[in-house]
Amino acid sequence: MSKEGLWYLLHLFFEIGMLQVGFWVGLTIAICFILVDIFYLKKKLKNNHKKTLSRLVAFLIITVFVAIVHYILEKGIDVI
C-alpha cells in the first residue's frame, strides 16, 4: 500500500480508530453486559416472558454509559 495520499489516511483511521479503539470499547461493553447478565438479570428475569427485551434495554443502557464515559475521558479530561 502507498505511504501517501488520502487512501493512506483512511487506512490509518480504519486501522487505529476502528480496530484498536473500537476493539477495547467493544470489549468493555461486552464484559459489562456479560457480568450484568450473569449476576443480575439471570436472577431477576427467571420467570419473565420479556427476557429478550429486558436484556436489550440493559445492553443499550450499558452501551450509552460506556459511550458517555469514553467521551468524557477523550474530550473532557483528555486522557484518551
N, C-alpha and C. Protein backbone atom coordinates (compact mmCIF):
# COMPACT_ATOMS: atom_id res chain seq x y z
N MET A 1 0.84 -1.18 0.00
CA MET A 1 0.00 0.00 0.00
C MET A 1 0.89 1.24 0.00
N SER A 2 0.44 2.25 -0.66
CA SER A 2 1.17 3.51 -0.76
C SER A 2 1.23 4.21 0.60
N LYS A 3 2.32 4.86 0.87
CA LYS A 3 2.51 5.57 2.14
C LYS A 3 2.17 7.05 2.03
N GLU A 4 1.36 7.42 1.07
CA GLU A 4 1.00 8.82 0.92
C GLU A 4 -0.41 8.92 0.34
N GLY A 5 -0.98 10.07 0.48
CA GLY A 5 -2.28 10.32 -0.11
C GLY A 5 -3.44 10.08 0.83
N LEU A 6 -4.62 10.30 0.28
CA LEU A 6 -5.86 10.20 1.04
C LEU A 6 -6.15 8.76 1.48
N TRP A 7 -5.85 7.79 0.63
CA TRP A 7 -6.14 6.40 0.98
C TRP A 7 -5.31 5.94 2.16
N TYR A 8 -4.08 6.45 2.26
CA TYR A 8 -3.25 6.11 3.41
C TYR A 8 -3.84 6.68 4.70
N LEU A 9 -4.37 7.90 4.64
CA LEU A 9 -5.01 8.49 5.81
C LEU A 9 -6.26 7.71 6.21
N LEU A 10 -7.03 7.29 5.23
CA LEU A 10 -8.22 6.48 5.52
C LEU A 10 -7.83 5.13 6.11
N HIS A 11 -6.74 4.57 5.60
CA HIS A 11 -6.24 3.30 6.15
C HIS A 11 -5.81 3.48 7.60
N LEU A 12 -5.11 4.55 7.90
CA LEU A 12 -4.70 4.82 9.29
C LEU A 12 -5.91 5.00 10.19
N PHE A 13 -6.91 5.74 9.71
CA PHE A 13 -8.13 5.94 10.50
C PHE A 13 -8.78 4.60 10.81
N PHE A 14 -8.88 3.76 9.80
CA PHE A 14 -9.52 2.46 10.00
C PHE A 14 -8.69 1.60 10.94
N GLU A 15 -7.38 1.54 10.70
CA GLU A 15 -6.51 0.68 11.49
C GLU A 15 -6.47 1.11 12.95
N ILE A 16 -6.27 2.38 13.20
CA ILE A 16 -6.14 2.85 14.58
C ILE A 16 -7.50 3.06 15.21
N GLY A 17 -8.36 3.80 14.54
CA GLY A 17 -9.65 4.16 15.14
C GLY A 17 -10.62 3.01 15.27
N MET A 18 -10.81 2.30 14.22
CA MET A 18 -11.85 1.27 14.23
C MET A 18 -11.38 -0.03 14.87
N LEU A 19 -10.18 -0.45 14.57
CA LEU A 19 -9.75 -1.75 15.07
C LEU A 19 -9.18 -1.69 16.48
N GLN A 20 -8.32 -0.73 16.75
CA GLN A 20 -7.69 -0.69 18.07
C GLN A 20 -8.60 -0.07 19.12
N VAL A 21 -9.13 1.10 18.88
CA VAL A 21 -10.00 1.75 19.86
C VAL A 21 -11.35 1.04 19.92
N GLY A 22 -11.90 0.71 18.79
CA GLY A 22 -13.19 0.02 18.74
C GLY A 22 -13.16 -1.33 19.42
N PHE A 23 -12.05 -2.03 19.32
CA PHE A 23 -11.91 -3.32 19.98
C PHE A 23 -12.02 -3.16 21.49
N TRP A 24 -11.32 -2.20 22.07
CA TRP A 24 -11.32 -2.03 23.52
C TRP A 24 -12.65 -1.52 24.04
N VAL A 25 -13.27 -0.62 23.29
CA VAL A 25 -14.60 -0.14 23.71
C VAL A 25 -15.62 -1.27 23.62
N GLY A 26 -15.58 -2.04 22.55
CA GLY A 26 -16.49 -3.18 22.40
C GLY A 26 -16.26 -4.25 23.44
N LEU A 27 -14.99 -4.50 23.77
CA LEU A 27 -14.67 -5.47 24.80
C LEU A 27 -15.19 -5.02 26.16
N THR A 28 -15.07 -3.73 26.46
CA THR A 28 -15.59 -3.19 27.71
C THR A 28 -17.10 -3.35 27.80
N ILE A 29 -17.79 -3.03 26.72
CA ILE A 29 -19.25 -3.18 26.69
C ILE A 29 -19.64 -4.65 26.86
N ALA A 30 -18.93 -5.54 26.19
CA ALA A 30 -19.25 -6.97 26.27
C ALA A 30 -19.04 -7.51 27.68
N ILE A 31 -17.93 -7.14 28.31
CA ILE A 31 -17.66 -7.62 29.66
C ILE A 31 -18.71 -7.09 30.64
N CYS A 32 -19.02 -5.81 30.54
CA CYS A 32 -20.04 -5.23 31.43
C CYS A 32 -21.39 -5.92 31.24
N PHE A 33 -21.79 -6.15 29.99
CA PHE A 33 -23.07 -6.79 29.74
C PHE A 33 -23.09 -8.23 30.25
N ILE A 34 -22.02 -8.96 30.03
CA ILE A 34 -21.98 -10.36 30.49
C ILE A 34 -22.06 -10.41 32.01
N LEU A 35 -21.33 -9.53 32.70
CA LEU A 35 -21.38 -9.52 34.16
C LEU A 35 -22.77 -9.14 34.67
N VAL A 36 -23.39 -8.14 34.07
CA VAL A 36 -24.74 -7.74 34.48
C VAL A 36 -25.73 -8.86 34.17
N ASP A 37 -25.57 -9.51 33.04
CA ASP A 37 -26.49 -10.58 32.66
C ASP A 37 -26.37 -11.78 33.60
N ILE A 38 -25.15 -12.15 33.93
CA ILE A 38 -24.96 -13.33 34.78
C ILE A 38 -25.35 -13.06 36.22
N PHE A 39 -24.91 -11.92 36.77
CA PHE A 39 -25.10 -11.70 38.20
C PHE A 39 -26.40 -11.00 38.57
N TYR A 40 -27.04 -10.31 37.62
CA TYR A 40 -28.25 -9.57 37.99
C TYR A 40 -29.47 -10.01 37.18
N LEU A 41 -29.35 -9.98 35.87
CA LEU A 41 -30.53 -10.26 35.04
C LEU A 41 -30.97 -11.71 35.10
N LYS A 42 -30.03 -12.62 35.25
CA LYS A 42 -30.38 -14.04 35.27
C LYS A 42 -31.33 -14.35 36.44
N LYS A 43 -31.07 -13.76 37.59
CA LYS A 43 -31.92 -13.98 38.77
C LYS A 43 -33.23 -13.21 38.65
N LYS A 44 -33.15 -12.00 38.16
CA LYS A 44 -34.33 -11.14 38.11
C LYS A 44 -35.33 -11.59 37.04
N LEU A 45 -34.85 -12.13 35.95
CA LEU A 45 -35.71 -12.49 34.83
C LEU A 45 -35.99 -13.99 34.76
N LYS A 46 -35.94 -14.66 35.87
CA LYS A 46 -36.09 -16.12 35.88
C LYS A 46 -37.41 -16.57 35.26
N ASN A 47 -38.53 -15.99 35.64
CA ASN A 47 -39.83 -16.40 35.11
C ASN A 47 -40.52 -15.25 34.38
N ASN A 48 -39.77 -14.47 33.66
CA ASN A 48 -40.32 -13.33 32.95
C ASN A 48 -40.37 -13.65 31.45
N HIS A 49 -41.47 -13.34 30.81
CA HIS A 49 -41.61 -13.63 29.39
C HIS A 49 -41.00 -12.53 28.51
N LYS A 50 -40.52 -11.44 29.10
CA LYS A 50 -39.89 -10.37 28.33
C LYS A 50 -38.38 -10.33 28.57
N LYS A 51 -37.76 -11.50 28.60
CA LYS A 51 -36.32 -11.58 28.86
C LYS A 51 -35.51 -10.87 27.78
N THR A 52 -35.84 -11.11 26.54
CA THR A 52 -35.06 -10.54 25.44
C THR A 52 -35.14 -9.03 25.43
N LEU A 53 -36.32 -8.49 25.65
CA LEU A 53 -36.49 -7.04 25.67
C LEU A 53 -35.73 -6.42 26.84
N SER A 54 -35.78 -7.06 27.99
CA SER A 54 -35.06 -6.56 29.16
C SER A 54 -33.56 -6.60 28.94
N ARG A 55 -33.07 -7.65 28.33
CA ARG A 55 -31.63 -7.74 28.03
C ARG A 55 -31.22 -6.70 27.00
N LEU A 56 -32.06 -6.44 26.01
CA LEU A 56 -31.76 -5.42 25.02
C LEU A 56 -31.69 -4.04 25.66
N VAL A 57 -32.63 -3.74 26.54
CA VAL A 57 -32.62 -2.44 27.24
C VAL A 57 -31.36 -2.33 28.11
N ALA A 58 -31.00 -3.39 28.81
CA ALA A 58 -29.79 -3.37 29.63
C ALA A 58 -28.56 -3.16 28.77
N PHE A 59 -28.50 -3.83 27.62
CA PHE A 59 -27.37 -3.67 26.70
C PHE A 59 -27.28 -2.23 26.19
N LEU A 60 -28.41 -1.63 25.85
CA LEU A 60 -28.40 -0.25 25.37
C LEU A 60 -27.98 0.73 26.46
N ILE A 61 -28.43 0.50 27.68
CA ILE A 61 -28.04 1.37 28.79
C ILE A 61 -26.54 1.27 29.05
N ILE A 62 -26.00 0.06 29.04
CA ILE A 62 -24.56 -0.12 29.24
C ILE A 62 -23.78 0.53 28.11
N THR A 63 -24.25 0.39 26.87
CA THR A 63 -23.58 0.99 25.72
C THR A 63 -23.56 2.51 25.83
N VAL A 64 -24.68 3.11 26.21
CA VAL A 64 -24.74 4.57 26.36
C VAL A 64 -23.81 5.02 27.49
N PHE A 65 -23.80 4.29 28.60
CA PHE A 65 -22.93 4.63 29.72
C PHE A 65 -21.46 4.58 29.31
N VAL A 66 -21.05 3.52 28.62
CA VAL A 66 -19.65 3.40 28.18
C VAL A 66 -19.32 4.50 27.16
N ALA A 67 -20.25 4.83 26.28
CA ALA A 67 -20.02 5.90 25.31
C ALA A 67 -19.85 7.26 26.01
N ILE A 68 -20.65 7.52 27.02
CA ILE A 68 -20.53 8.78 27.76
C ILE A 68 -19.19 8.84 28.51
N VAL A 69 -18.81 7.75 29.16
CA VAL A 69 -17.52 7.72 29.86
C VAL A 69 -16.38 7.90 28.87
N HIS A 70 -16.44 7.25 27.72
CA HIS A 70 -15.41 7.40 26.70
C HIS A 70 -15.34 8.84 26.21
N TYR A 71 -16.47 9.45 25.98
CA TYR A 71 -16.49 10.84 25.52
C TYR A 71 -15.89 11.78 26.57
N ILE A 72 -16.26 11.58 27.83
CA ILE A 72 -15.71 12.43 28.90
C ILE A 72 -14.20 12.25 29.00
N LEU A 73 -13.74 11.01 28.94
CA LEU A 73 -12.30 10.77 29.03
C LEU A 73 -11.54 11.32 27.83
N GLU A 74 -12.16 11.28 26.66
CA GLU A 74 -11.48 11.73 25.46
C GLU A 74 -11.53 13.25 25.32
N LYS A 75 -12.68 13.84 25.45
CA LYS A 75 -12.83 15.27 25.20
C LYS A 75 -12.67 16.12 26.45
N GLY A 76 -13.25 15.69 27.55
CA GLY A 76 -13.25 16.49 28.76
C GLY A 76 -11.93 16.45 29.50
N ILE A 77 -11.47 15.27 29.83
CA ILE A 77 -10.28 15.14 30.64
C ILE A 77 -9.03 14.97 29.77
N ASP A 78 -9.19 14.59 28.52
CA ASP A 78 -8.10 14.40 27.56
C ASP A 78 -7.14 13.30 28.02
N VAL A 79 -7.72 12.17 28.45
CA VAL A 79 -6.92 11.04 28.86
C VAL A 79 -6.65 10.13 27.67
N ILE A 80 -7.67 9.94 26.86
CA ILE A 80 -7.55 9.01 25.71
C ILE A 80 -7.01 9.77 24.53
